Amino acid sequence: MSIVVTGATGHLGRHVVEQLLEKVPAEQVTAVVRDEAKAADLAERGVKLAVADYNAPETFDHVFSAGDKVLLISGSEVGNDRVGQHRVVIEAAKAAGVALLAYTSAPGALKAALADDHRGTEEILLGSGVPYVLLRNGWYHENYTENLAPVLEHNAVVQAAGDGRVSSASRADYAAAAVAVLTGEGHENKTYELGGDEAWSFAEYAAELSKQTGKEIVYNPVSVEAFTGILAGAGLPEPVAAVIAGVDASVEKGELVVDSGDLSRLAGRPTSTIADAITAALKG
């Protein structure tokens, strides 16, 4: 029996594998990657590697074995046929007879177009008969803190979220929840709504940035249309820019507030705060 992690060299996948290695022997972990070279360090530590691509179904023919626990990390390329990509993994897992397939989905309340692929994948997974766990991950701190340069250059946080609040947490927090499910018992056919313990607004985010940088950073709320234009002007393809700006409309409606407590409960500790993430980003 292996614990198999797809997208294992991605942002979230790396955290999951690192945390798994703290709990189980390396030979029990299989990292599914597209580029073996990017996982060379994991192989050196005893992690098994499987080279497979969501876009090439035949590459998944021998990745899974009966009894495996699988984490399907959703594809990150918005605009691709992510539902079709995920179906490839689900069908291969079903054919192999895996014991569990956990999927990183989106909050159940999120109505934005970005969530459509997740809803489509959930439907396929629930219809497959494979024992499942839906890890409905809320927003990541890093979505905001990984690219602070424009904010610090213009002394402004520009979003289309009004006074909406976000229950974000770090990738490491969400990874801890996934690891708890993959190494624990009694999670079959459960749905977990995952988000940070403390929701925050963009005005509060700007205030925390001001406090930590010593600069006066303001929150400049704009319309969804204006934000789409700003993102497109920064180089994003317009359809992708529209999807991302659409998330802000959902934030304004409260769709990214998650108050279930599932994330800290599964992780076994309080979630990190947006202030923690800002501190880490400014140090980095």
Protein backbone atom coordinates (compact mmCIF):
# COMPACT_ATOMS: atom_id res chain seq x y z
CA MET A 1 0.00 0.00 0.00
CA SER A 2 1.31 3.40 -1.01
CA ILE A 3 0.16 6.91 -0.34
CA VAL A 4 0.17 8.43 -3.81
CA VAL A 5 0.32 12.21 -4.36
CA THR A 6 -0.34 13.64 -7.82
CA GLY A 7 1.19 17.01 -8.75
CA ALA A 8 3.82 16.21 -6.14
CA THR A 9 6.32 18.89 -7.21
CA GLY A 10 3.74 21.67 -7.29
CA HIS A 11 3.31 24.30 -4.56
CA LEU A 12 0.83 22.27 -2.50
CA GLY A 13 2.18 18.84 -3.46
CA ARG A 14 5.64 19.64 -2.11
CA HIS A 15 4.17 20.55 1.27
CA VAL A 16 2.11 17.35 1.34
CA VAL A 17 5.07 15.09 0.53
CA GLU A 18 7.33 16.84 3.06
CA GLN A 19 4.72 16.44 5.80
CA LEU A 20 4.03 12.81 4.85
CA LEU A 21 7.73 12.03 5.28
CA GLU A 22 7.43 13.17 8.90
CA LYS A 23 4.75 10.52 9.49
CA VAL A 24 5.45 7.48 7.30
CA PRO A 25 8.52 5.77 5.81
CA ALA A 26 9.59 7.24 2.47
CA GLU A 27 9.09 3.94 0.64
CA GLN A 28 5.36 4.17 1.42
CA VAL A 29 5.07 7.45 -0.51
CA THR A 30 4.73 7.67 -4.29
CA ALA A 31 5.12 11.08 -5.93
CA VAL A 32 3.40 11.42 -9.31
CA VAL A 33 5.25 13.98 -11.43
CA ARG A 34 5.47 15.11 -15.03
CA ASP A 35 9.17 15.89 -14.85
CA GLU A 36 11.27 13.33 -13.00
CA ALA A 37 14.20 15.75 -12.69
CA LYS A 38 12.14 18.10 -10.53
CA ALA A 39 11.63 15.28 -8.01
CA ALA A 40 15.24 14.05 -7.91
CA ASP A 41 15.62 15.26 -4.33
CA LEU A 42 12.56 13.24 -3.29
CA ALA A 43 13.89 10.12 -4.98
CA GLU A 44 17.17 10.55 -3.11
CA ARG A 45 15.21 10.45 0.13
CA GLY A 46 13.56 7.16 -0.81
CA VAL A 47 10.26 8.40 -2.24
CA LYS A 48 9.01 6.34 -5.17
CA LEU A 49 8.43 8.31 -8.36
CA ALA A 50 5.81 7.73 -11.03
CA VAL A 51 5.97 9.80 -14.21
CA ALA A 52 2.49 10.57 -15.51
CA ASP A 53 0.59 13.43 -17.13
CA TYR A 54 -3.09 14.30 -16.68
CA ASN A 55 -3.23 14.91 -20.45
CA ALA A 56 -1.96 11.41 -21.32
CA PRO A 57 -4.35 8.79 -19.87
CA GLU A 58 -2.13 5.84 -20.75
CA THR A 59 0.58 7.16 -18.41
CA PHE A 60 -1.69 6.43 -15.45
CA ASP A 61 -2.21 2.75 -16.37
CA HIS A 62 0.20 1.42 -13.74
CA VAL A 63 0.49 4.27 -11.25
CA PHE A 64 -2.03 2.98 -8.68
CA SER A 65 -2.35 -0.35 -6.88
CA ALA A 66 -5.16 -1.95 -4.90
CA GLY A 67 -5.35 -0.48 -1.42
CA ASP A 68 -3.50 2.76 -2.21
CA LYS A 69 -4.59 6.05 -0.71
CA VAL A 70 -4.46 8.77 -3.35
CA LEU A 71 -4.40 12.55 -3.18
CA LEU A 72 -5.57 14.07 -6.45
CA ILE A 73 -4.33 17.65 -6.44
CA SER A 74 -6.41 19.60 -8.93
CA GLY A 75 -4.73 20.82 -12.11
CA SER A 76 -3.61 24.43 -11.85
CA GLU A 77 -4.02 25.57 -15.44
CA VAL A 78 -7.26 27.53 -15.50
CA GLY A 79 -8.91 27.30 -18.92
CA ASN A 80 -7.68 23.78 -19.66
CA ASP A 81 -10.04 20.79 -19.55
CA ARG A 82 -9.37 20.22 -15.89
CA VAL A 83 -12.45 18.04 -15.44
CA GLY A 84 -11.21 15.76 -18.23
CA GLN A 85 -7.75 15.66 -16.67
CA HIS A 86 -9.15 14.72 -13.28
CA ARG A 87 -11.41 12.06 -14.83
CA VAL A 88 -8.27 10.30 -16.12
CA VAL A 89 -6.94 9.96 -12.57
CA ILE A 90 -10.29 8.92 -11.08
CA GLU A 91 -10.83 6.22 -13.70
CA ALA A 92 -7.30 4.85 -13.21
CA ALA A 93 -7.80 4.83 -9.44
CA LYS A 94 -11.12 3.00 -9.80
CA ALA A 95 -9.60 0.40 -12.14
CA ALA A 96 -6.81 -0.27 -9.64
CA GLY A 97 -9.13 -0.60 -6.65
CA VAL A 98 -7.65 2.13 -4.47
CA ALA A 99 -8.80 2.35 -0.87
CA LEU A 100 -9.34 6.11 -0.89
CA LEU A 101 -9.14 9.07 -3.26
CA ALA A 102 -8.96 12.53 -1.70
CA TYR A 103 -9.52 15.50 -4.02
CA THR A 104 -8.51 19.13 -3.45
CA SER A 105 -11.71 20.94 -4.37
CA ALA A 106 -13.09 24.43 -3.70
CA PRO A 107 -15.44 25.70 -0.96
CA GLY A 108 -19.00 24.49 -1.42
CA ALA A 109 -20.32 28.05 -1.17
CA LEU A 110 -18.10 29.35 -4.00
CA LYS A 111 -20.28 30.14 -7.03
CA ALA A 112 -17.52 31.76 -9.13
CA ALA A 113 -16.67 30.24 -12.52
CA LEU A 114 -13.38 29.04 -11.04
CA ALA A 115 -15.34 26.48 -9.02
CA ASP A 116 -17.10 24.94 -12.04
CA ASP A 117 -14.24 22.52 -12.72
CA HIS A 118 -14.25 21.43 -9.09
CA ARG A 119 -18.00 20.81 -9.10
CA GLY A 120 -17.64 18.78 -12.29
CA THR A 121 -14.84 16.71 -10.78
CA GLU A 122 -16.76 16.09 -7.56
CA GLU A 123 -19.67 14.78 -9.62
CA ILE A 124 -17.42 12.30 -11.44
CA LEU A 125 -15.73 11.20 -8.22
CA LEU A 126 -18.99 10.65 -6.35
CA GLY A 127 -20.38 8.72 -9.31
CA SER A 128 -17.29 6.49 -9.59
CA GLY A 129 -17.93 4.42 -6.49
CA VAL A 130 -14.36 5.01 -5.30
CA PRO A 131 -14.19 5.77 -1.54
CA TYR A 132 -13.58 9.53 -1.53
CA VAL A 133 -12.74 12.55 0.59
CA LEU A 134 -13.55 16.03 -0.64
CA LEU A 135 -10.98 18.48 0.70
CA ARG A 136 -12.73 21.73 -0.18
CA ASN A 137 -9.75 24.04 0.19
CA GLY A 138 -10.42 27.70 0.74
CA TRP A 139 -8.08 30.41 -0.48
CA TYR A 140 -4.34 30.35 0.12
CA HIS A 141 -2.54 33.22 1.87
CA GLU A 142 0.10 32.85 -0.82
CA ASN A 143 -2.39 33.90 -3.53
CA TYR A 144 -1.88 37.39 -2.16
CA THR A 145 1.50 37.40 -0.42
CA GLU A 146 3.60 35.74 -3.13
CA ASN A 147 3.54 38.80 -5.36
CA LEU A 148 3.78 41.84 -3.13
CA ALA A 149 6.02 43.83 -5.49
CA PRO A 150 3.20 45.77 -7.25
CA VAL A 151 1.50 46.46 -3.91
CA LEU A 152 4.70 47.83 -2.39
CA GLU A 153 5.54 49.78 -5.55
CA HIS A 154 2.17 51.55 -5.68
CA ASN A 155 1.40 51.51 -1.93
CA ALA A 156 -2.01 50.12 -2.76
CA VAL A 157 -3.94 46.87 -2.55
CA VAL A 158 -6.23 46.79 -5.58
CA GLN A 159 -9.06 44.23 -5.56
CA ALA A 160 -12.72 44.01 -6.59
CA ALA A 161 -13.90 42.46 -3.33
CA GLY A 162 -15.56 45.43 -1.62
CA ASP A 163 -15.76 44.79 2.13
CA GLY A 164 -15.83 41.01 1.66
CA ARG A 165 -13.81 38.72 3.89
CA VAL A 166 -11.53 35.75 3.12
CA SER A 167 -10.88 32.73 5.38
CA SER A 168 -7.47 32.03 3.91
CA ALA A 169 -4.75 29.75 5.28
CA SER A 170 -1.28 28.72 4.21
CA ARG A 171 -0.51 25.91 1.79
CA ALA A 172 1.21 24.17 4.69
CA ASP A 173 -2.06 24.29 6.65
CA TYR A 174 -4.05 22.69 3.82
CA ALA A 175 -1.27 20.12 3.35
CA ALA A 176 -1.54 19.19 7.03
CA ALA A 177 -5.25 18.45 6.57
CA ALA A 178 -4.54 16.29 3.53
CA VAL A 179 -1.84 14.37 5.41
CA ALA A 180 -4.20 13.77 8.33
CA VAL A 181 -6.73 12.25 5.95
CA LEU A 182 -4.15 10.15 4.08
CA THR A 183 -2.55 8.75 7.24
CA GLY A 184 -5.66 8.52 9.42
CA GLU A 185 -8.80 6.40 9.53
CA GLY A 186 -12.50 7.02 9.26
CA HIS A 187 -12.44 9.70 6.56
CA GLU A 188 -14.13 7.70 3.79
CA ASN A 189 -16.91 9.52 1.94
CA LYS A 190 -16.54 12.70 4.01
CA THR A 191 -16.57 16.30 2.84
CA TYR A 192 -14.45 18.84 4.67
CA GLU A 193 -14.95 22.59 4.23
CA LEU A 194 -11.47 24.00 4.84
CA GLY A 195 -10.49 27.56 5.65
CA GLY A 196 -8.44 29.63 8.05
CA ASP A 197 -9.58 30.30 11.62
CA GLU A 198 -9.61 34.08 11.07
CA ALA A 199 -11.36 35.74 8.13
CA TRP A 200 -9.98 39.11 7.06
CA SER A 201 -10.93 41.98 4.74
CA PHE A 202 -8.68 43.69 2.23
CA ALA A 203 -8.78 46.88 4.27
CA GLU A 204 -7.38 44.87 7.18
CA TYR A 205 -4.84 43.29 4.85
CA ALA A 206 -3.66 46.72 3.69
CA ALA A 207 -3.47 47.88 7.32
CA GLU A 208 -1.33 44.86 8.26
CA LEU A 209 0.97 45.51 5.30
CA SER A 210 1.28 49.14 6.43
CA LYS A 211 2.11 48.04 9.97
CA GLN A 212 4.79 45.56 8.87
CA THR A 213 6.42 47.71 6.17
CA GLY A 214 6.13 51.12 7.85
CA LYS A 215 4.59 52.46 4.61
CA GLU A 216 1.10 53.84 4.18
CA ILE A 217 -0.61 51.20 2.03
CA VAL A 218 -4.27 51.77 1.16
CA TYR A 219 -6.99 49.45 -0.08
CA ASN A 220 -8.36 50.62 -3.40
CA PRO A 221 -11.57 48.72 -4.23
CA VAL A 222 -12.49 48.70 -7.92
CA SER A 223 -15.20 47.10 -10.04
CA VAL A 224 -14.88 43.56 -11.35
CA GLU A 225 -14.63 44.97 -14.88
CA ALA A 226 -11.83 47.35 -13.91
CA PHE A 227 -9.97 44.59 -12.08
CA THR A 228 -10.27 42.31 -15.10
CA GLY A 229 -8.68 45.06 -17.18
CA ILE A 230 -5.88 45.55 -14.66
CA LEU A 231 -5.08 41.81 -14.63
CA ALA A 232 -5.19 41.64 -18.43
CA GLY A 233 -2.92 44.67 -18.59
CA ALA A 234 -0.47 42.83 -16.36
CA GLY A 235 -0.25 40.06 -18.95
CA LEU A 236 -2.96 37.55 -18.03
CA PRO A 237 -5.09 36.24 -20.92
CA GLU A 238 -8.44 38.04 -20.72
CA PRO A 239 -10.54 34.89 -20.03
CA VAL A 240 -8.24 33.96 -17.14
CA ALA A 241 -8.30 37.54 -15.85
CA ALA A 242 -12.11 37.47 -15.89
CA VAL A 243 -12.19 34.20 -13.92
CA ILE A 244 -9.82 35.55 -11.26
CA ALA A 245 -11.70 38.86 -10.98
CA GLY A 246 -14.90 36.82 -10.68
CA VAL A 247 -13.52 35.30 -7.48
CA ASP A 248 -13.41 38.79 -5.97
CA ALA A 249 -17.12 39.16 -6.71
CA SER A 250 -17.61 35.95 -4.71
CA VAL A 251 -15.47 37.34 -1.89
CA GLU A 252 -17.71 40.40 -1.72
CA LYS A 253 -20.73 38.08 -1.35
CA GLY A 254 -19.11 36.17 1.51
CA GLU A 255 -18.55 32.97 -0.46
CA LEU A 256 -14.93 32.57 0.72
CA VAL A 257 -15.73 32.74 4.42
CA VAL A 258 -15.40 29.24 5.85
CA ASP A 259 -16.32 28.83 9.52
CA SER A 260 -16.51 25.04 9.85
CA GLY A 261 -13.31 24.72 11.89
CA ASP A 262 -12.47 21.61 9.82
CA LEU A 263 -9.00 22.80 8.81
CA SER A 264 -7.58 23.44 12.28
CA ARG A 265 -9.34 20.30 13.56
CA LEU A 266 -7.72 18.08 10.91
CA ALA A 267 -4.34 19.83 11.19
CA GLY A 268 -4.42 19.47 14.96
CA ARG A 269 -3.42 23.09 15.51
CA PRO A 270 -4.65 26.63 14.82
CA THR A 271 -4.18 27.80 11.25
CA SER A 272 -1.59 30.44 10.38
CA THR A 273 -2.77 34.03 10.01
CA ILE A 274 -2.50 36.42 7.09
CA ALA A 275 -0.15 38.48 9.28
CA ASP A 276 2.12 35.41 9.56
CA ALA A 277 2.09 35.07 5.77
CA ILE A 278 2.93 38.74 5.25
CA THR A 279 5.87 38.42 7.67
CA ALA A 280 7.18 35.36 5.82
CA ALA A 281 6.78 37.03 2.43
CA LEU A 282 8.59 40.20 3.47
CA LYS A 283 11.46 38.15 4.89
CA GLY A 284 11.66 36.07 1.71
